[in-house]
C-alpha atoms as a PDB file:
ATOM      1  CA  MET A   1      -6.806  -5.599   0.936  1.00  0.00           C
ATOM      2  CA  SER A   2      -6.243  -3.184  -2.085  1.00  0.00           C
ATOM      3  CA  SER A   3      -3.179  -1.721  -3.052  1.00  0.00           C
ATOM      4  CA  GLU A   4      -4.318   1.684  -2.152  1.00  0.00           C
ATOM      5  CA  LYS A   5      -4.550   0.675   1.562  1.00  0.00           C
ATOM      6  CA  ALA A   6      -1.856  -2.067   1.345  1.00  0.00           C
ATOM      7  CA  LYS A   7       1.543  -1.150   3.563  1.00  0.00           C
ATOM      8  CA  VAL A   8       4.494  -1.602   1.495  1.00  0.00           C
ATOM      9  CA  CYS A   9       7.826  -1.584   3.352  1.00  0.00           C
ATOM     10  CA  VAL A  10      10.867  -0.232   1.648  1.00  0.00           C
ATOM     11  CA  ILE A  11      14.108  -1.113   3.187  1.00  0.00           C
ATOM     12  CA  ASP A  12      17.545   0.279   2.137  1.00  0.00           C
ATOM     13  CA  ASP A  13      20.422   2.058   3.797  1.00  0.00           C
ATOM     14  CA  ASP A  14      20.763   4.398   1.159  1.00  0.00           C
ATOM     15  CA  ASP A  15      18.763   7.325   2.366  1.00  0.00           C
ATOM     16  CA  ALA A  16      18.477   8.902  -0.897  1.00  0.00           C
ATOM     17  CA  LEU A  17      16.969   5.939  -2.809  1.00  0.00           C
ATOM     18  CA  ARG A  18      14.843   4.851   0.039  1.00  0.00           C
ATOM     19  CA  ASP A  19      13.124   8.384  -0.210  1.00  0.00           C
ATOM     20  CA  SER A  20      12.792   8.293  -3.548  1.00  0.00           C
ATOM     21  CA  LEU A  21      11.171   4.921  -3.563  1.00  0.00           C
ATOM     22  CA  THR A  22       8.657   5.922  -1.084  1.00  0.00           C
ATOM     23  CA  PHE A  23       7.873   9.092  -2.642  1.00  0.00           C
ATOM     24  CA  LEU A  24       7.129   7.234  -5.848  1.00  0.00           C
ATOM     25  CA  LEU A  25       4.860   4.898  -4.141  1.00  0.00           C
ATOM     26  CA  ARG A  26       3.012   7.586  -2.131  1.00  0.00           C
ATOM     27  CA  MET A  27       2.150   9.505  -5.537  1.00  0.00           C
ATOM     28  CA  ALA A  28       0.936   6.216  -6.748  1.00  0.00           C
ATOM     29  CA  GLN A  29      -1.768   6.273  -3.719  1.00  0.00           C
ATOM     30  CA  ILE A  30       0.163   3.099  -2.025  1.00  0.00           C
ATOM     31  CA  ASP A  31       0.771   3.187   1.670  1.00  0.00           C
ATOM     32  CA  VAL A  32       4.503   2.949   2.378  1.00  0.00           C
ATOM     33  CA  VAL A  33       6.874   3.145   5.124  1.00  0.00           C
ATOM     34  CA  GLY A  34      10.812   3.151   5.151  1.00  0.00           C
ATOM     35  CA  PHE A  35      13.091   1.496   7.113  1.00  0.00           C
ATOM     36  CA  ALA A  36      17.156   1.954   7.016  1.00  0.00           C
ATOM     37  CA  SER A  37      17.930  -1.632   7.615  1.00  0.00           C
ATOM     38  CA  ALA A  38      16.450  -4.894   7.837  1.00  0.00           C
ATOM     39  CA  ALA A  39      16.781  -5.019  11.559  1.00  0.00           C
ATOM     40  CA  ALA A  40      14.804  -1.923  11.818  1.00  0.00           C
ATOM     41  CA  PHE A  41      11.913  -3.376   9.793  1.00  0.00           C
ATOM     42  CA  LEU A  42      12.153  -6.691  12.017  1.00  0.00           C
ATOM     43  CA  ASP A  43      11.828  -4.701  15.134  1.00  0.00           C
ATOM     44  CA  GLY A  44       8.877  -2.812  13.585  1.00  0.00           C
ATOM     45  CA  LEU A  45       7.136  -5.685  12.287  1.00  0.00           C
ATOM     46  CA  SER A  46       4.669  -6.346  15.138  1.00  0.00           C
ATOM     47  CA  GLY A  47       3.394  -2.675  14.510  1.00  0.00           C
ATOM     48  CA  THR A  48       3.418  -2.923  10.844  1.00  0.00           C
ATOM     49  CA  HIS A  49       1.089  -4.737   8.449  1.00  0.00           C
ATOM     50  CA  ALA A  50       3.383  -5.481   5.599  1.00  0.00           C
ATOM     51  CA  SER A  51       1.515  -6.423   2.556  1.00  0.00           C
ATOM     52  CA  CYS A  52       4.916  -6.189   0.266  1.00  0.00           C
ATOM     53  CA  VAL A  53       8.682  -5.568   0.939  1.00  0.00           C
ATOM     54  CA  ILE A  54      10.967  -3.887  -1.223  1.00  0.00           C
ATOM     55  CA  THR A  55      14.500  -4.416  -0.363  1.00  0.00           C
ATOM     56  CA  ASP A  56      17.969  -3.898  -1.259  1.00  0.00           C
ATOM     57  CA  VAL A  57      20.065  -7.035  -1.582  1.00  0.00           C
ATOM     58  CA  ARG A  58      23.151  -5.699  -0.434  1.00  0.00           C
ATOM     59  CA  MET A  59      22.913  -4.184   2.957  1.00  0.00           C
ATOM     60  CA  PRO A  60      25.186  -4.114   6.224  1.00  0.00           C
ATOM     61  CA  GLU A  61      24.596  -6.365   9.281  1.00  0.00           C
ATOM     62  CA  MET A  62      21.757  -8.084   7.117  1.00  0.00           C
ATOM     63  CA  SER A  63      21.230  -8.394   3.613  1.00  0.00           C
ATOM     64  CA  GLY A  64      18.232  -8.845   1.692  1.00  0.00           C
ATOM     65  CA  ILE A  65      18.894 -12.608   1.660  1.00  0.00           C
ATOM     66  CA  ASP A  66      19.370 -12.898   5.183  1.00  0.00           C
ATOM     67  CA  LEU A  67      16.021 -10.934   5.317  1.00  0.00           C
ATOM     68  CA  LEU A  68      14.282 -13.476   3.351  1.00  0.00           C
ATOM     69  CA  ARG A  69      15.666 -16.621   5.359  1.00  0.00           C
ATOM     70  CA  ARG A  70      14.591 -14.656   8.725  1.00  0.00           C
ATOM     71  CA  LEU A  71      10.916 -14.297   7.086  1.00  0.00           C
ATOM     72  CA  LYS A  72      10.666 -17.890   6.585  1.00  0.00           C
ATOM     73  CA  GLU A  73      12.172 -18.941   9.987  1.00  0.00           C
ATOM     74  CA  LEU A  74       9.247 -16.526  11.484  1.00  0.00           C
ATOM     75  CA  LYS A  75       6.664 -17.909   8.995  1.00  0.00           C
ATOM     76  CA  ILE A  76       5.797 -14.395   7.734  1.00  0.00           C
ATOM     77  CA  ASP A  77       4.469 -15.054   4.168  1.00  0.00           C
ATOM     78  CA  VAL A  78       4.859 -11.564   2.411  1.00  0.00           C
ATOM     79  CA  PRO A  79       6.045 -10.994  -1.316  1.00  0.00           C
ATOM     80  CA  VAL A  80       9.468  -9.474  -1.312  1.00  0.00           C
ATOM     81  CA  ILE A  81      10.968  -7.747  -4.161  1.00  0.00           C
ATOM     82  CA  VAL A  82      14.566  -7.470  -4.230  1.00  0.00           C
ATOM     83  CA  ILE A  83      16.439  -4.692  -5.541  1.00  0.00           C
ATOM     84  CA  THR A  84      20.047  -5.127  -7.104  1.00  0.00           C
ATOM     85  CA  GLY A  85      23.084  -3.517  -8.440  1.00  0.00           C
ATOM     86  CA  HIS A  86      24.361  -4.989 -11.876  1.00  0.00           C
ATOM     87  CA  GLY A  87      27.096  -6.790  -9.901  1.00  0.00           C
ATOM     88  CA  ASP A  88      24.453  -8.335  -7.757  1.00  0.00           C
ATOM     89  CA  VAL A  89      22.430 -10.254 -10.159  1.00  0.00           C
ATOM     90  CA  PRO A  90      23.813 -13.720  -9.124  1.00  0.00           C
ATOM     91  CA  MET A  91      22.799 -12.753  -5.505  1.00  0.00           C
ATOM     92  CA  ALA A  92      19.497 -11.656  -6.341  1.00  0.00           C
ATOM     93  CA  VAL A  93      18.867 -14.933  -8.401  1.00  0.00           C
ATOM     94  CA  GLU A  94      19.813 -16.573  -5.084  1.00  0.00           C
ATOM     95  CA  ALA A  95      17.255 -14.345  -3.250  1.00  0.00           C
ATOM     96  CA  MET A  96      14.665 -15.722  -5.661  1.00  0.00           C
ATOM     97  CA  LYS A  97      15.558 -19.290  -4.636  1.00  0.00           C
ATOM     98  CA  VAL A  98      14.870 -18.635  -1.268  1.00  0.00           C
ATOM     99  CA  GLY A  99      11.529 -16.841  -1.657  1.00  0.00           C
ATOM    100  CA  ALA A 100      11.900 -13.461  -3.322  1.00  0.00           C
ATOM    101  CA  SER A 101       8.821 -12.715  -5.549  1.00  0.00           C
ATOM    102  CA  ASP A 102      10.783 -10.704  -7.888  1.00  0.00           C
ATOM    103  CA  PHE A 103      14.210  -8.829  -8.422  1.00  0.00           C
ATOM    104  CA  LEU A 104      14.588  -5.420 -10.056  1.00  0.00           C
ATOM    105  CA  GLU A 105      18.137  -4.153 -11.517  1.00  0.00           C
ATOM    106  CA  LYS A 106      19.347  -0.880 -10.739  1.00  0.00           C
ATOM    107  CA  PRO A 107      18.655   1.584 -12.761  1.00  0.00           C
ATOM    108  CA  PHE A 108      15.070   0.611 -13.166  1.00  0.00           C
ATOM    109  CA  ASP A 109      12.264   2.560 -14.698  1.00  0.00           C
ATOM    110  CA  ASP A 110       9.456   3.895 -12.138  1.00  0.00           C
ATOM    111  CA  GLU A 111       6.736   1.793 -13.825  1.00  0.00           C
ATOM    112  CA  VAL A 112       8.533  -1.442 -13.928  1.00  0.00           C
ATOM    113  CA  LEU A 113       8.774  -1.046  -9.902  1.00  0.00           C
ATOM    114  CA  LEU A 114       5.040  -0.001  -9.780  1.00  0.00           C
ATOM    115  CA  ALA A 115       4.038  -2.933 -12.027  1.00  0.00           C
ATOM    116  CA  SER A 116       5.938  -5.379  -9.615  1.00  0.00           C
ATOM    117  CA  VAL A 117       4.399  -3.826  -6.528  1.00  0.00           C
ATOM    118  CA  ARG A 118       1.049  -4.156  -7.874  1.00  0.00           C
ATOM    119  CA  ALA A 119       1.362  -7.802  -9.077  1.00  0.00           C
ATOM    120  CA  ALA A 120       2.822  -8.812  -5.804  1.00  0.00           C
ATOM    121  CA  LEU A 121      -0.060  -7.162  -3.735  1.00  0.00           C
ATOM    122  CA  LYS A 122      -2.730  -8.611  -5.983  1.00  0.00           C
ATOM    123  CA  ARG A 123      -1.185 -11.916  -5.289  1.00  0.00           C
ATOM    124  CA  GLN A 124      -0.901 -11.301  -1.471  1.00  0.00           C
ATOM    125  CA  ASP A 125      -4.800 -10.035  -1.480  1.00  0.00           C
ATOM    126  CA  GLY A 126      -5.858 -13.064  -3.275  1.00  0.00           C
ATOM    127  CA  GLU A 127      -3.862 -15.411  -0.678  1.00  0.00           C
ATOM    128  CA  SER A 128      -5.029 -13.375   2.060  1.00  0.00           C
ATOM    129  CA  LYS A 129      -8.949 -13.615   0.650  1.00  0.00           C
ATOM    130  CA  ARG A 130      -8.495 -17.577   0.280  1.00  0.00           C
ATOM    131  CA  ASN A 131      -6.980 -17.816   3.957  1.00  0.00           C
ATOM    132  CA  SER A 132     -10.072 -15.790   5.330  1.00  0.00           C
ATOM    133  CA  ASP A 133     -12.285 -17.933   3.224  1.00  0.00           C
ATOM    134  CA  ARG A 134     -10.745 -21.358   4.540  1.00  0.00           C
ATOM    135  CA  ALA A 135     -11.128 -19.922   8.226  1.00  0.00           C
ATOM    136  CA  ASP A 136     -14.640 -18.827   8.108  1.00  0.00           C
ATOM    137  CA  ILE A 137     -15.464 -22.278   6.385  1.00  0.00           C
ATOM    138  CA  GLU A 138     -13.606 -24.170   9.229  1.00  0.00           C
ATOM    139  CA  ILE A 139     -15.746 -22.077  11.790  1.00  0.00           C
ATOM    140  CA  LYS A 140     -19.047 -23.168  10.191  1.00  0.00           C
ATOM    141  CA  LEU A 141     -17.827 -26.609   9.973  1.00  0.00           C
ATOM    142  CA  ALA A 142     -17.403 -27.069  13.597  1.00  0.00           C
ATOM    143  CA  THR A 143     -20.852 -26.347  14.283  1.00  0.00           C
ATOM    144  CA  LEU A 144     -21.892 -29.530  12.244  1.00  0.00           C
ATOM    145  CA  SER A 145     -22.848 -32.837  13.861  1.00  0.00           C
ATOM    146  CA  ASN A 146     -20.856 -35.751  13.276  1.00  0.00           C
ATOM    147  CA  ARG A 147     -23.868 -37.177  11.172  1.00  0.00           C
ATOM    148  CA  GLU A 148     -24.224 -33.865   9.154  1.00  0.00           C
ATOM    149  CA  ARG A 149     -20.624 -34.129   8.487  1.00  0.00           C
ATOM    150  CA  ASP A 150     -21.012 -37.914   7.199  1.00  0.00           C
ATOM    151  CA  VAL A 151     -23.891 -36.673   4.842  1.00  0.00           C
ATOM    152  CA  LEU A 152     -21.458 -33.931   3.650  1.00  0.00           C
ATOM    153  CA  GLY A 153     -18.925 -36.240   2.815  1.00  0.00           C
ATOM    154  CA  GLY A 154     -21.292 -38.150   0.620  1.00  0.00           C
ATOM    155  CA  LEU A 155     -22.416 -35.049  -1.105  1.00  0.00           C
ATOM    156  CA  VAL A 156     -18.893 -34.304  -1.940  1.00  0.00           C
ATOM    157  CA  ALA A 157     -18.461 -37.630  -3.210  1.00  0.00           C
ATOM    158  CA  GLY A 158     -21.257 -37.242  -5.617  1.00  0.00           C
ATOM    159  CA  ARG A 159     -23.776 -39.445  -4.022  1.00  0.00           C
ATOM    160  CA  ALA A 160     -27.461 -39.188  -4.496  1.00  0.00           C
ATOM    161  CA  ASN A 161     -29.644 -38.908  -0.994  1.00  0.00           C
ATOM    162  CA  LYS A 162     -30.846 -42.825  -1.561  1.00  0.00           C
ATOM    163  CA  GLN A 163     -27.240 -43.883  -1.748  1.00  0.00           C
ATOM    164  CA  ILE A 164     -26.022 -41.814   1.453  1.00  0.00           C
ATOM    165  CA  ALA A 165     -28.962 -43.013   3.280  1.00  0.00           C
ATOM    166  CA  TYR A 166     -27.969 -46.813   2.157  1.00  0.00           C
ATOM    167  CA  ASP A 167     -24.531 -46.189   3.241  1.00  0.00           C
ATOM    168  CA  LEU A 168     -25.497 -44.516   6.812  1.00  0.00           C
ATOM    169  CA  GLY A 169     -28.030 -46.997   7.718  1.00  0.00           C
ATOM    170  CA  ILE A 170     -30.738 -44.261   7.849  1.00  0.00           C
ATOM    171  CA  SER A 171     -33.906 -43.016   5.556  1.00  0.00           C
ATOM    172  CA  PRO A 172     -33.672 -40.839   2.466  1.00  0.00           C
ATOM    173  CA  ARG A 173     -35.906 -38.440   4.472  1.00  0.00           C
ATOM    174  CA  THR A 174     -33.578 -38.238   7.286  1.00  0.00           C
ATOM    175  CA  VAL A 175     -30.601 -37.613   4.714  1.00  0.00           C
ATOM    176  CA  GLU A 176     -33.004 -34.708   3.567  1.00  0.00           C
ATOM    177  CA  ILE A 177     -33.244 -33.115   6.908  1.00  0.00           C
ATOM    178  CA  TYR A 178     -29.623 -33.331   7.370  1.00  0.00           C
ATOM    179  CA  ARG A 179     -28.621 -31.948   4.063  1.00  0.00           C
ATOM    180  CA  ALA A 180     -31.161 -29.034   4.952  1.00  0.00           C
ATOM    181  CA  ASN A 181     -29.603 -28.307   8.202  1.00  0.00           C
ATOM    182  CA  LEU A 182     -25.932 -28.200   7.010  1.00  0.00           C
ATOM    183  CA  MET A 183     -26.961 -26.202   3.841  1.00  0.00           C
ATOM    184  CA  ASN A 184     -28.272 -23.679   6.628  1.00  0.00           C
ATOM    185  CA  LYS A 185     -25.355 -23.866   8.895  1.00  0.00           C
ATOM    186  CA  MET A 186     -22.857 -23.595   6.089  1.00  0.00           C
ATOM    187  CA  HIS A 187     -24.772 -20.749   4.600  1.00  0.00           C
ATOM    188  CA  ALA A 188     -24.883 -22.406   1.226  1.00  0.00           C
ATOM    189  CA  GLY A 189     -27.163 -21.200  -1.268  1.00  0.00           C
ATOM    190  CA  SER A 190     -26.715 -24.156  -3.627  1.00  0.00           C
ATOM    191  CA  LEU A 191     -25.296 -27.829  -3.622  1.00  0.00           C
ATOM    192  CA  SER A 192     -22.802 -26.634  -5.712  1.00  0.00           C
ATOM    193  CA  GLU A 193     -21.457 -23.757  -3.341  1.00  0.00           C
ATOM    194  CA  LEU A 194     -21.480 -26.275  -0.410  1.00  0.00           C
ATOM    195  CA  VAL A 195     -19.267 -28.597  -2.375  1.00  0.00           C
ATOM    196  CA  ARG A 196     -16.829 -25.794  -3.273  1.00  0.00           C
ATOM    197  CA  MET A 197     -16.500 -24.874   0.341  1.00  0.00           C
ATOM    198  CA  ALA A 198     -15.961 -28.398   1.408  1.00  0.00           C
ATOM    199  CA  LEU A 199     -13.433 -28.952  -1.276  1.00  0.00           C
ATOM    200  CA  MET A 200     -11.670 -25.715  -0.325  1.00  0.00           C
ATOM    201  CA  VAL A 201     -10.942 -27.134   3.329  1.00  0.00           C
ATOM    202  CA  GLY A 202      -9.928 -30.429   1.924  1.00  0.00           C
ATOM    203  CA  ILE A 203     -12.951 -32.485   2.945  1.00  0.00           C
ATOM    204  CA  VAL A 204     -13.148 -35.547   0.378  1.00  0.00           C
ATOM    205  CA  ASP A 205     -14.784 -38.595   0.596  1.00  0.00           C
ATOM    206  CA  ALA A 206     -13.331 -41.120   3.342  1.00  0.00           C
ATOM    207  CA  ASP A 207     -13.457 -44.202   1.020  1.00  0.00           C
END
């Protein structure tokens, strides 16, 4: 997901500041939606794909820190940028400890905010891509037979076909067939690509 298509959620009970931030992000070609409170944001989560959250740290009913804790409880992994007034820096530091990705002290420069948002979106994009890749590999792994997985384990361990054949009590030719089959099922163009995929999902030698 690029920053142009990512959804940034701005949460602030100060209407003027919220409108200013949403305008700034729209001018930067970043998709954005504003919420007057953390509760309103949480209520709208199911219909909003949040790629980044910008929240004031000091808000009535639910503070930015309370929001971070709630997101952690809900297992929602999204970068959160906390905005703080000068007297709230200790609170912002606490927010960092409970998961905020960054905090900005008011007044801040527009470019500082945009740089923080883009950095958060880039991290989120990378993590989303990794999660998607892992899920795709897991689906492919599920198509392998037990013997193909045994051969894969040997390949990841760096063993030659003859050694894998000896370990499994089969012929080297049979190992070659299993290897060709699993390369095909995993859509791997090379042995190195196959090994990278296996390592990405935590497949290691059982020994």
